[in-house]
Amino acid sequence: MTGTRWERLRPAVGRFALAATSGIVLFLAFAPRQLWWLAPIAFAGFGLALHGRRLWGAAGYGLVFGLAFNLLHLLWIDDFLGAEFGPGPWLALSGVMALYVAVAAGLMSFAGRLPGAPVWLALVFLLQEYARSRWPANGFPWGRIGFSQPEGAYTPLAAIGGAPLVGFAVVTSGFGLAWLVVHLRGLPGLRTRGPQWTGLARTAAYALVPLLAGLVLWPAVGTGAETGHRTVAVVQGNAPNAGIGLLGRRDTIRAGALAEHDRLTTRIDRGEVARPDLVVWPETTVDVVGGRDSEVTAAVDELGVPALVGSLYRTADGRTDNAVVAWRPGDGPGQRYAKQELVPFSEYVPMREIAAWFTPFVGNTQDMRWGDEPGVFDIAGTRVGTAICYEAAYDYPSRDAVHAGARMLVLPTNNAWFGDGEMTYQQLAMARLRAVEHGRAVVVAATSGVSAVVRPDGTVSRQTEMYTADSLVADVPLRETTTLADRFGPWTERVMLGAAVCAVLAGFALRRRPVHTTGRDG
């Protein structure tokens, strides 16, 4: 390669490397690492890679950024399906997620022409989160930027605008840092005064104001009990770390939960732990056929404490719900909540002929029935809300439960399929952010870990290890205050969505004008 040709290619190679590195840095910001501050740094690098690029160039760097992030963040898909199908499902899903980022990055080439570019760029990036959380096959909201912040300076913003506002703050800070670097490079010297330094201060504000807003809101995050406490026990029965090999071994999962429930009962009878008011079992722990399971009924009766039991509930008409069933001593199973957000290609199979290339769940799996009611139970002398596993990634299930009066939340999950990778920690991070968003304690009950009790401020008071049979008993504060995030509901995201569309259209109308760089605030 001649020196002249290399000189032409070097800027593109540098941007390519910066976009890829930024995607890796964003991955490192997510759980189980406690490196929340890496997320805005990742977007600073991404913003520098995009700066001044036009539609196709920006889309290309967005694809690189999205691939670098998703291939690492979704590696647990390969832990699950890789032994049977190879890396195809993991690569395909990561590629689809990266395409969304590529489209958003291309649209950023228009929004970046507007004054205040970091704000508009952040909104356009979140536009792709909105889209991929809904389409295709009911979307895949995993890896939203807000979920990188279960702790840290931005976390309190969840109580104002939920995961969308947290993500917006992080991305705005990151792009603000990028534009600050661009602005500094454009200054002729440190002795310069006047409008350029005024622009510098304005650009710095994009990076700092979201961060400072979160810090200011920390004291407002409520944690104390408002309507008393309940003592809650979590049963983690464990399962073999066999990935897809767990297919057809549901009896093993059920037996593990029953055995751990018996050990918990013995510990309570001996006075080793407090007697709980409520026991929570993980997702799909038992099959409930015709509304009955005599062994579970006997276990609940022996302890004398009501339980919320994750169940495959098979109805008389042959349909199956992924459900949480209220099991009361002396009464057996009763009220149930059916999961509203089913996992595509697992709990239901769209496009079955094509899906057969990617998933083992086609030939022997009937589509489950979709729930259509909020998950709330009047149990243990209070009102308990629930979402199931995958639903933690969606905004509305927990919000609807809170609107229906829930004073604490439970999240049963079966993550035993996904190996000892990062999936369970990513899900716990979602639960932690939801706790702050709704001002409610969240109890996570996982088949094989990590089970946890999360305080209303997102901190974890108790948790288990992975692939260990264990149980937790902890006091949980009950709260009834409605956060602004719950009052605003979906309108926070809708307003941001509308602003993003307007920014793209306005930038498109200005496309023949020069791109703003350091002469203005973005």
Protein backbone atom coordinates (compact mmCIF):
# COMPACT_ATOMS: atom_id res chain seq x y z
CA MET A 1 0.00 0.00 0.00
CA THR A 2 1.49 3.32 -1.05
CA GLY A 3 1.93 6.13 1.43
CA THR A 4 -0.59 8.30 -0.40
CA ARG A 5 -3.24 5.59 -0.33
CA TRP A 6 -2.64 4.93 3.37
CA GLU A 7 -2.99 8.63 4.11
CA ARG A 8 -6.40 8.54 2.46
CA LEU A 9 -7.49 5.43 4.37
CA ARG A 10 -6.03 6.25 7.77
CA PRO A 11 -8.88 8.51 8.98
CA ALA A 12 -11.48 5.84 8.10
CA VAL A 13 -9.43 3.10 9.77
CA GLY A 14 -9.07 5.26 12.87
CA ARG A 15 -12.80 5.90 13.03
CA PHE A 16 -13.50 2.20 12.49
CA ALA A 17 -11.20 1.30 15.39
CA LEU A 18 -12.73 4.03 17.58
CA ALA A 19 -16.29 2.82 16.88
CA ALA A 20 -15.35 -0.79 17.66
CA THR A 21 -13.49 0.16 20.83
CA SER A 22 -16.41 2.30 21.97
CA GLY A 23 -18.77 -0.66 21.54
CA ILE A 24 -16.49 -2.81 23.69
CA VAL A 25 -16.31 -0.07 26.34
CA LEU A 26 -20.12 0.10 26.39
CA PHE A 27 -20.27 -3.67 26.99
CA LEU A 28 -17.91 -3.25 29.95
CA ALA A 29 -20.31 -0.71 31.48
CA PHE A 30 -22.98 -3.40 31.99
CA ALA A 31 -23.38 -5.87 34.86
CA PRO A 32 -21.82 -7.83 36.41
CA ARG A 33 -19.17 -5.11 36.33
CA GLN A 34 -19.82 -1.99 38.43
CA LEU A 35 -18.42 0.37 35.82
CA TRP A 36 -21.48 2.52 35.05
CA TRP A 37 -19.28 5.54 34.26
CA LEU A 38 -17.89 3.77 31.20
CA ALA A 39 -21.21 4.18 29.35
CA PRO A 40 -20.90 7.94 28.69
CA ILE A 41 -17.24 7.43 27.80
CA ALA A 42 -18.32 4.84 25.22
CA PHE A 43 -20.70 7.33 23.65
CA ALA A 44 -18.03 10.00 23.67
CA GLY A 45 -15.87 7.73 21.51
CA PHE A 46 -18.83 6.83 19.31
CA GLY A 47 -19.69 10.50 18.90
CA LEU A 48 -16.14 11.30 17.78
CA ALA A 49 -16.31 8.47 15.25
CA LEU A 50 -19.56 9.89 13.86
CA HIS A 51 -18.65 13.56 13.90
CA GLY A 52 -18.90 15.14 10.46
CA ARG A 53 -19.87 11.87 8.74
CA ARG A 54 -22.66 11.72 6.23
CA LEU A 55 -25.44 9.17 5.96
CA TRP A 56 -23.66 6.03 4.76
CA GLY A 57 -20.42 6.66 6.58
CA ALA A 58 -22.27 7.23 9.86
CA ALA A 59 -24.38 4.10 9.30
CA GLY A 60 -21.23 2.05 8.73
CA TYR A 61 -19.60 3.20 11.94
CA GLY A 62 -22.90 2.61 13.75
CA LEU A 63 -22.91 -0.97 12.49
CA VAL A 64 -19.38 -1.49 13.81
CA PHE A 65 -20.29 0.02 17.20
CA GLY A 66 -23.48 -2.07 17.42
CA LEU A 67 -21.73 -5.30 16.49
CA ALA A 68 -18.89 -4.80 18.96
CA PHE A 69 -21.38 -4.22 21.77
CA ASN A 70 -24.00 -6.84 20.98
CA LEU A 71 -21.64 -9.70 20.16
CA LEU A 72 -20.24 -9.40 23.67
CA HIS A 73 -23.41 -8.43 25.52
CA LEU A 74 -25.46 -11.30 24.03
CA LEU A 75 -22.82 -14.02 24.26
CA TRP A 76 -25.08 -15.92 26.64
CA ILE A 77 -27.29 -16.77 23.64
CA ASP A 78 -24.45 -18.96 22.41
CA ASP A 79 -24.19 -20.56 25.87
CA PHE A 80 -27.81 -21.62 25.44
CA LEU A 81 -28.09 -22.61 21.78
CA GLY A 82 -24.49 -22.96 20.64
CA ALA A 83 -24.10 -26.65 21.46
CA GLU A 84 -27.07 -27.54 19.25
CA PHE A 85 -27.01 -24.88 16.53
CA GLY A 86 -23.52 -23.42 16.60
CA PRO A 87 -22.98 -19.65 16.70
CA GLY A 88 -25.72 -18.91 14.15
CA PRO A 89 -28.50 -17.70 16.52
CA TRP A 90 -26.07 -15.54 18.54
CA LEU A 91 -24.55 -13.99 15.42
CA ALA A 92 -27.94 -13.44 13.79
CA LEU A 93 -29.47 -11.71 16.81
CA SER A 94 -26.38 -9.57 17.36
CA GLY A 95 -26.40 -8.59 13.70
CA VAL A 96 -30.06 -7.58 13.75
CA MET A 97 -29.51 -5.46 16.86
CA ALA A 98 -26.49 -3.82 15.21
CA LEU A 99 -28.57 -2.94 12.15
CA TYR A 100 -30.87 -0.88 14.35
CA VAL A 101 -27.86 1.07 15.62
CA ALA A 102 -26.62 1.52 12.05
CA VAL A 103 -29.94 3.02 10.95
CA ALA A 104 -29.97 5.35 13.96
CA ALA A 105 -26.38 6.42 13.27
CA GLY A 106 -27.29 7.21 9.68
CA LEU A 107 -30.17 9.38 10.85
CA MET A 108 -27.81 11.11 13.28
CA SER A 109 -26.02 12.60 10.27
CA PHE A 110 -29.10 14.78 9.84
CA ALA A 111 -29.85 15.52 13.50
CA GLY A 112 -26.20 16.45 14.11
CA ARG A 113 -26.62 19.53 11.91
CA LEU A 114 -28.87 21.19 14.48
CA PRO A 115 -27.72 23.48 17.30
CA GLY A 116 -27.59 21.50 20.53
CA ALA A 117 -26.52 18.41 18.59
CA PRO A 118 -25.69 16.16 21.61
CA VAL A 119 -29.32 16.31 22.76
CA TRP A 120 -30.74 15.46 19.34
CA LEU A 121 -28.20 12.72 18.71
CA ALA A 122 -29.11 11.09 22.03
CA LEU A 123 -32.80 11.20 21.17
CA VAL A 124 -32.19 9.62 17.77
CA PHE A 125 -30.12 6.85 19.34
CA LEU A 126 -32.99 6.09 21.72
CA LEU A 127 -35.31 6.00 18.70
CA GLN A 128 -33.72 2.69 17.73
CA GLU A 129 -34.22 1.35 21.27
CA TYR A 130 -37.91 2.19 20.95
CA ALA A 131 -38.14 0.47 17.56
CA ARG A 132 -36.28 -2.74 18.42
CA SER A 133 -38.25 -3.12 21.65
CA ARG A 134 -41.40 -3.53 19.56
CA TRP A 135 -40.49 -5.03 16.18
CA PRO A 136 -40.13 -7.70 14.90
CA ALA A 137 -41.78 -10.47 16.94
CA ASN A 138 -42.74 -8.08 19.74
CA GLY A 139 -39.21 -6.75 19.93
CA PHE A 140 -36.09 -7.41 21.94
CA PRO A 141 -35.42 -4.68 24.54
CA TRP A 142 -32.32 -6.32 26.04
CA GLY A 143 -29.25 -4.09 26.31
CA ARG A 144 -31.02 -0.73 26.60
CA ILE A 145 -28.62 1.93 27.80
CA GLY A 146 -30.63 2.65 30.93
CA PHE A 147 -29.95 -0.91 32.10
CA SER A 148 -26.23 -0.11 32.38
CA GLN A 149 -27.06 2.16 35.32
CA PRO A 150 -28.40 0.11 38.25
CA GLU A 151 -26.09 2.23 40.38
CA GLY A 152 -24.22 5.48 39.91
CA ALA A 153 -24.91 9.14 39.34
CA TYR A 154 -27.59 8.69 36.67
CA THR A 155 -29.67 6.09 38.53
CA PRO A 156 -32.00 8.50 40.41
CA LEU A 157 -33.31 9.79 37.08
CA ALA A 158 -35.19 6.48 36.81
CA ALA A 159 -37.64 7.79 39.41
CA ILE A 160 -38.44 10.72 37.07
CA GLY A 161 -38.58 9.12 33.65
CA GLY A 162 -37.72 5.44 33.95
CA ALA A 163 -35.24 3.61 31.78
CA PRO A 164 -35.80 5.94 28.78
CA LEU A 165 -34.75 9.05 30.72
CA VAL A 166 -31.72 7.33 32.24
CA GLY A 167 -30.60 6.22 28.80
CA PHE A 168 -31.13 9.72 27.40
CA ALA A 169 -29.03 11.26 30.17
CA VAL A 170 -26.15 8.82 29.67
CA VAL A 171 -26.06 9.21 25.89
CA THR A 172 -26.38 13.00 26.06
CA SER A 173 -23.44 13.16 28.45
CA GLY A 174 -21.40 10.97 26.14
CA PHE A 175 -22.11 12.96 23.01
CA GLY A 176 -21.58 16.14 25.03
CA LEU A 177 -18.09 14.90 25.90
CA ALA A 178 -17.42 14.19 22.23
CA TRP A 179 -18.52 17.64 21.18
CA LEU A 180 -16.45 19.14 23.98
CA VAL A 181 -13.35 17.41 22.58
CA VAL A 182 -14.19 18.68 19.10
CA HIS A 183 -14.69 22.19 20.44
CA LEU A 184 -11.39 22.17 22.32
CA ARG A 185 -9.52 20.97 19.25
CA GLY A 186 -11.05 23.82 17.29
CA LEU A 187 -9.91 26.57 19.68
CA PRO A 188 -6.90 28.49 18.36
CA GLY A 189 -5.26 28.76 21.79
CA LEU A 190 -5.87 28.78 25.51
CA ARG A 191 -5.76 32.58 25.61
CA THR A 192 -8.77 32.87 23.35
CA ARG A 193 -11.70 34.74 24.85
CA GLY A 194 -15.17 35.69 23.76
CA PRO A 195 -17.83 33.71 21.86
CA GLN A 196 -15.72 30.58 21.41
CA TRP A 197 -15.32 30.14 25.14
CA THR A 198 -19.00 30.84 25.63
CA GLY A 199 -19.67 28.01 23.21
CA LEU A 200 -17.23 25.84 25.13
CA ALA A 201 -19.16 26.35 28.36
CA ARG A 202 -22.42 25.57 26.59
CA THR A 203 -20.97 22.40 25.10
CA ALA A 204 -19.58 21.31 28.48
CA ALA A 205 -23.07 21.69 29.92
CA TYR A 206 -24.34 18.88 27.69
CA ALA A 207 -21.85 16.53 29.31
CA LEU A 208 -22.28 17.71 32.89
CA VAL A 209 -25.92 18.71 33.39
CA PRO A 210 -27.39 15.16 33.09
CA LEU A 211 -24.77 13.85 35.51
CA LEU A 212 -25.38 16.64 38.01
CA ALA A 213 -29.15 16.24 37.71
CA GLY A 214 -28.85 12.64 38.83
CA LEU A 215 -26.64 13.55 41.76
CA VAL A 216 -29.03 16.28 42.89
CA LEU A 217 -31.94 13.81 42.84
CA TRP A 218 -30.27 11.17 45.03
CA PRO A 219 -31.78 12.47 48.30
CA ALA A 220 -35.25 12.29 46.76
CA VAL A 221 -35.11 8.52 46.13
CA GLY A 222 -37.39 7.00 48.76
CA THR A 223 -36.28 3.87 50.58
CA GLY A 224 -38.17 3.69 53.88
CA ALA A 225 -41.24 1.59 54.58
CA GLU A 226 -44.51 3.53 54.30
CA THR A 227 -47.04 0.78 55.06
CA GLY A 228 -44.99 -1.63 57.10
CA HIS A 229 -42.78 -4.57 56.17
CA ARG A 230 -43.24 -8.13 55.00
CA THR A 231 -40.78 -10.93 55.58
CA VAL A 232 -40.26 -12.67 52.24
CA ALA A 233 -38.48 -15.96 51.50
CA VAL A 234 -37.05 -16.93 48.11
CA VAL A 235 -36.61 -20.57 47.11
CA GLN A 236 -33.77 -21.27 44.66
CA GLY A 237 -33.90 -24.98 43.90
CA ASN A 238 -31.07 -24.96 41.33
CA ALA A 239 -30.69 -27.05 38.16
CA PRO A 240 -27.78 -28.59 36.26
CA ASN A 241 -25.69 -26.21 34.17
CA ALA A 242 -26.67 -28.02 30.98
CA GLY A 243 -27.93 -25.24 28.72
CA ILE A 244 -30.28 -26.62 26.10
CA GLY A 245 -29.77 -30.02 27.72
CA LEU A 246 -32.40 -29.00 30.29
CA LEU A 247 -35.08 -29.60 27.68
CA GLY A 248 -37.26 -32.42 28.93
CA ARG A 249 -35.87 -32.21 32.48
CA ARG A 250 -38.56 -30.12 34.11
CA ASP A 251 -39.01 -32.78 36.80
CA THR A 252 -35.43 -32.05 37.88
CA ILE A 253 -36.23 -28.35 38.34
CA ARG A 254 -39.41 -29.16 40.24
CA ALA A 255 -37.67 -31.66 42.51
CA GLY A 256 -34.93 -29.14 43.32
CA ALA A 257 -37.47 -26.48 44.32
CA LEU A 258 -39.45 -28.86 46.49
CA ALA A 259 -36.27 -30.05 48.21
CA GLU A 260 -35.10 -26.50 48.92
CA HIS A 261 -38.56 -25.55 50.20
CA ASP A 262 -38.35 -28.49 52.62
CA ARG A 263 -34.91 -27.34 53.81
CA LEU A 264 -36.26 -23.83 54.29
CA THR A 265 -39.16 -25.22 56.35
CA THR A 266 -36.71 -27.13 58.55
CA ARG A 267 -34.58 -24.01 59.11
CA ILE A 268 -37.68 -22.02 60.06
CA ASP A 269 -38.90 -24.70 62.46
CA ARG A 270 -35.48 -24.76 64.13
CA GLY A 271 -35.53 -20.98 64.53
CA GLU A 272 -32.50 -20.47 62.29
CA VAL A 273 -34.36 -17.92 60.14
CA ALA A 274 -37.50 -15.88 60.66
CA ARG A 275 -40.86 -17.26 59.60
CA PRO A 276 -41.78 -15.44 56.39
CA ASP A 277 -45.09 -13.89 55.47
CA LEU A 278 -44.66 -14.94 51.83
CA VAL A 279 -42.56 -17.45 49.87
CA VAL A 280 -41.61 -16.88 46.22
CA TRP A 281 -40.62 -19.67 43.81
CA PRO A 282 -38.92 -19.11 40.43
CA GLU A 283 -40.52 -19.06 36.99
CA THR A 284 -41.98 -22.30 35.54
CA THR A 285 -40.81 -24.37 38.50
CA VAL A 286 -43.77 -26.75 38.35
CA ASP A 287 -46.35 -27.98 35.86
CA VAL A 288 -49.86 -27.35 37.09
CA VAL A 289 -52.27 -29.62 35.25
CA GLY A 290 -55.94 -28.95 35.82
CA GLY A 291 -55.12 -26.48 38.58
CA ARG A 292 -53.50 -29.00 40.95
CA ASP A 293 -50.11 -30.19 42.23
CA SER A 294 -50.48 -32.27 45.37
CA GLU A 295 -46.79 -32.11 46.41
CA VAL A 296 -46.64 -28.34 46.17
CA THR A 297 -49.90 -28.10 48.08
CA ALA A 298 -48.48 -30.33 50.82
CA ALA A 299 -45.27 -28.26 51.03
CA VAL A 300 -47.21 -25.00 51.35
CA ASP A 301 -49.59 -26.50 53.92
CA GLU A 302 -46.70 -27.80 56.02
CA LEU A 303 -45.02 -24.41 56.23
CA GLY A 304 -48.35 -22.62 56.69
CA VAL A 305 -47.27 -19.60 54.61
CA PRO A 306 -48.73 -18.50 51.25
CA ALA A 307 -46.49 -18.82 48.20
CA LEU A 308 -46.25 -17.35 44.72
CA VAL A 309 -45.20 -20.28 42.53
CA GLY A 310 -43.90 -19.95 38.98
CA SER A 311 -45.83 -22.49 36.95
CA LEU A 312 -46.55 -23.84 33.52
CA TYR A 313 -50.31 -23.74 33.98
CA ARG A 314 -52.12 -26.12 31.65
CA THR A 315 -55.80 -25.32 31.33
CA ALA A 316 -58.71 -27.62 30.52
CA ASP A 317 -58.82 -26.40 26.91
CA GLY A 318 -55.24 -27.57 26.32
CA ARG A 319 -53.60 -24.13 26.40
CA THR A 320 -50.58 -23.27 28.54
CA ASP A 321 -49.83 -20.11 30.51
CA ASN A 322 -46.43 -19.08 31.81
CA ALA A 323 -47.95 -18.07 35.11
CA VAL A 324 -47.39 -17.11 38.70
CA VAL A 325 -49.94 -18.92 40.86
CA ALA A 326 -50.97 -17.89 44.37
CA TRP A 327 -50.82 -20.97 46.62
CA ARG A 328 -52.45 -20.59 50.02
CA PRO A 329 -52.30 -23.03 52.96
CA GLY A 330 -55.48 -25.05 53.13
CA ASP A 331 -56.78 -23.70 49.83
CA GLY A 332 -54.19 -24.81 47.29
CA PRO A 333 -53.65 -22.94 44.01
CA GLY A 334 -55.90 -20.02 43.17
CA GLN A 335 -55.40 -16.68 41.47
CA ARG A 336 -52.77 -16.55 38.75
CA TYR A 337 -50.99 -14.02 36.58
CA ALA A 338 -50.17 -14.99 32.98
CA LYS A 339 -47.04 -13.57 31.37
CA GLN A 340 -47.84 -10.73 28.96
CA GLU A 341 -44.53 -10.60 27.08
CA LEU A 342 -43.68 -14.04 25.78
CA VAL A 343 -40.21 -14.84 24.51
CA PRO A 344 -40.23 -15.21 20.71
CA PHE A 345 -38.91 -18.50 19.31
CA SER A 346 -39.24 -20.09 22.74
CA GLU A 347 -42.61 -19.47 24.41
CA TYR A 348 -44.25 -18.77 21.08
CA VAL A 349 -42.87 -19.27 17.59
CA PRO A 350 -43.54 -16.73 14.85
CA MET A 351 -42.77 -17.77 11.26
CA ARG A 352 -42.39 -21.40 12.23
CA GLU A 353 -40.92 -22.58 8.93
CA ILE A 354 -38.07 -20.07 9.16
CA ALA A 355 -37.74 -20.41 12.93
CA ALA A 356 -36.95 -24.11 12.57
CA TRP A 357 -33.52 -23.09 11.27
CA PHE A 358 -32.65 -21.36 14.54
CA THR A 359 -34.50 -22.90 17.48
CA PRO A 360 -35.30 -26.37 18.86
CA PHE A 361 -38.68 -25.21 20.19
CA VAL A 362 -40.68 -25.56 16.97
CA GLY A 363 -41.64 -29.19 16.59
CA ASN A 364 -42.64 -29.98 20.17
CA THR A 365 -43.81 -26.59 21.44
CA GLN A 366 -47.29 -25.15 21.29
CA ASP A 367 -47.54 -21.38 21.53
CA MET A 368 -48.33 -20.25 25.04
CA ARG A 369 -51.27 -17.99 25.74
CA TRP A 370 -50.60 -14.27 26.14
CA GLY A 371 -51.68 -12.65 29.39
CA ASP A 372 -53.64 -9.43 29.22
CA GLU A 373 -53.99 -8.32 32.85
CA PRO A 374 -51.51 -6.66 35.26
CA GLY A 375 -49.78 -8.99 37.69
CA VAL A 376 -51.13 -8.14 41.14
CA PHE A 377 -52.00 -10.38 44.10
CA ASP A 378 -53.71 -9.66 47.40
CA ILE A 379 -51.57 -11.96 49.49
CA ALA A 380 -49.72 -11.98 52.81
CA GLY A 381 -51.77 -9.01 53.98
CA THR A 382 -50.60 -6.67 51.22
CA ARG A 383 -50.76 -6.12 47.47
CA VAL A 384 -47.88 -7.69 45.56
CA GLY A 385 -47.03 -6.96 41.91
CA THR A 386 -45.23 -9.33 39.59
CA ALA A 387 -43.51 -9.49 36.23
CA ILE A 388 -41.97 -12.68 34.88
CA CYS A 389 -38.37 -12.99 33.67
CA TYR A 390 -38.16 -11.37 30.19
CA GLU A 391 -40.80 -8.83 31.21
CA ALA A 392 -38.20 -7.03 33.34
CA ALA A 393 -36.87 -5.54 30.10
CA TYR A 394 -40.25 -3.99 29.22
CA ASP A 395 -41.46 -0.83 30.91
CA TYR A 396 -45.16 -1.47 31.26
CA PRO A 397 -45.64 -4.75 33.23
CA SER A 398 -44.20 -3.47 36.51
CA ARG A 399 -45.66 -0.01 35.97
CA ASP A 400 -49.15 -1.44 35.46
CA ALA A 401 -48.76 -3.50 38.63
CA VAL A 402 -47.83 -0.40 40.60
CA HIS A 403 -50.81 1.47 39.16
CA ALA A 404 -52.94 -1.45 40.33
CA GLY A 405 -51.74 -0.88 43.89
CA ALA A 406 -48.65 -3.07 44.26
CA ARG A 407 -46.54 -2.13 47.30
CA MET A 408 -43.69 -4.47 46.44
CA LEU A 409 -42.66 -6.33 43.28
CA VAL A 410 -41.54 -9.91 42.67
CA LEU A 411 -39.67 -11.12 39.60
CA PRO A 412 -39.63 -14.91 39.18
CA THR A 413 -37.19 -16.05 36.48
CA ASN A 414 -35.82 -19.28 35.04
CA ASN A 415 -32.33 -18.46 33.79
CA ALA A 416 -30.89 -21.95 34.26
CA TRP A 417 -30.81 -22.37 30.48
CA PHE A 418 -28.22 -19.68 29.90
CA GLY A 419 -25.09 -21.00 31.56
CA ASP A 420 -22.86 -19.20 34.02
CA GLY A 421 -22.40 -16.14 31.81
CA GLU A 422 -23.75 -12.63 32.29
CA MET A 423 -27.44 -12.99 31.47
CA THR A 424 -28.63 -13.38 35.06
CA TYR A 425 -26.59 -10.35 36.18
CA GLN A 426 -27.94 -8.27 33.31
CA GLN A 427 -31.45 -9.18 34.42
CA LEU A 428 -30.69 -8.34 38.04
CA ALA A 429 -29.50 -4.91 36.88
CA MET A 430 -32.88 -4.39 35.22
CA ALA A 431 -34.63 -5.31 38.48
CA ARG A 432 -32.46 -2.82 40.36
CA LEU A 433 -33.33 -0.01 37.97
CA ARG A 434 -37.02 -0.93 38.17
CA ALA A 435 -36.84 -0.65 41.96
CA VAL A 436 -35.77 3.00 41.67
CA GLU A 437 -38.17 3.68 38.80
CA HIS A 438 -41.19 2.53 40.81
CA GLY A 439 -39.99 3.23 44.35
CA ARG A 440 -40.63 -0.40 45.29
CA ALA A 441 -38.55 -3.22 46.69
CA VAL A 442 -38.06 -6.02 44.16
CA VAL A 443 -37.66 -9.70 45.05
CA VAL A 444 -35.91 -11.75 42.33
CA ALA A 445 -36.45 -15.52 42.50
CA ALA A 446 -34.21 -17.40 40.05
CA THR A 447 -34.08 -21.14 39.40
CA SER A 448 -30.29 -21.32 39.52
CA GLY A 449 -29.33 -17.81 40.67
CA VAL A 450 -28.82 -15.01 41.05
CA SER A 451 -31.82 -14.59 43.38
CA ALA A 452 -31.85 -11.30 45.28
CA VAL A 453 -33.74 -8.87 47.46
CA VAL A 454 -33.45 -5.33 46.08
CA ARG A 455 -34.23 -2.25 48.14
CA PRO A 456 -36.29 0.62 46.66
CA ASP A 457 -33.09 2.58 46.00
CA GLY A 458 -31.72 -0.21 43.80
CA THR A 459 -29.19 -1.57 46.27
CA VAL A 460 -29.07 -5.33 46.88
CA SER A 461 -29.57 -6.38 50.48
CA ARG A 462 -29.30 -10.16 49.95
CA GLN A 463 -28.36 -12.37 47.03
CA THR A 464 -27.42 -15.97 46.24
CA GLU A 465 -24.65 -17.52 44.18
CA MET A 466 -25.22 -19.11 40.78
CA TYR A 467 -25.92 -22.83 40.39
CA THR A 468 -26.40 -23.33 44.10
CA ALA A 469 -29.47 -24.63 45.92
CA ASP A 470 -30.25 -21.91 48.46
CA SER A 471 -32.93 -19.74 50.00
CA LEU A 472 -33.16 -16.17 51.24
CA VAL A 473 -35.27 -14.67 54.00
CA ALA A 474 -35.40 -10.88 54.33
CA ASP A 475 -37.61 -8.03 55.52
CA VAL A 476 -39.00 -6.03 52.61
CA PRO A 477 -40.34 -2.46 53.00
CA LEU A 478 -43.78 -1.75 51.59
CA ARG A 479 -44.30 1.57 49.82
CA GLU A 480 -47.28 3.33 48.24
CA THR A 481 -45.81 6.60 46.92
CA THR A 482 -46.17 6.91 43.16
CA THR A 483 -43.01 8.13 41.43
CA LEU A 484 -43.05 10.69 38.64
CA ALA A 485 -41.91 7.92 36.30
CA ASP A 486 -45.14 6.05 37.02
CA ARG A 487 -47.26 9.19 36.78
CA PHE A 488 -45.78 10.16 33.41
CA GLY A 489 -45.97 6.55 32.26
CA PRO A 490 -45.19 5.99 28.57
CA TRP A 491 -45.37 9.71 27.79
CA THR A 492 -41.73 10.29 28.70
CA GLU A 493 -40.64 7.95 25.94
CA ARG A 494 -43.32 9.19 23.53
CA VAL A 495 -42.21 12.81 23.88
CA MET A 496 -38.60 11.80 23.29
CA LEU A 497 -39.68 9.75 20.28
CA GLY A 498 -41.53 12.72 18.78
CA ALA A 499 -38.59 15.05 19.41
CA ALA A 500 -36.21 12.57 17.71
CA VAL A 501 -38.40 12.38 14.60
CA CYS A 502 -38.64 16.17 14.45
CA ALA A 503 -34.86 16.48 14.79
CA VAL A 504 -34.25 14.09 11.90
CA LEU A 505 -36.75 15.92 9.70
CA ALA A 506 -35.31 19.32 10.57
CA GLY A 507 -31.79 18.11 9.92
CA PHE A 508 -32.86 16.62 6.60
CA ALA A 509 -34.32 19.99 5.61
CA LEU A 510 -30.93 21.58 6.39
CA ARG A 511 -28.91 18.88 4.62
CA ARG A 512 -27.47 21.25 1.99
CA ARG A 513 -25.96 23.47 4.67
CA PRO A 514 -22.50 22.86 6.18
CA VAL A 515 -22.36 20.57 9.21
CA HIS A 516 -21.92 22.46 12.50
CA THR A 517 -18.64 21.69 14.25
CA THR A 518 -16.88 23.93 16.74
CA GLY A 519 -18.34 27.22 15.71
CA ARG A 520 -21.57 26.52 17.58
CA ASP A 521 -22.65 24.39 20.49
CA GLY A 522 -22.97 21.21 18.49
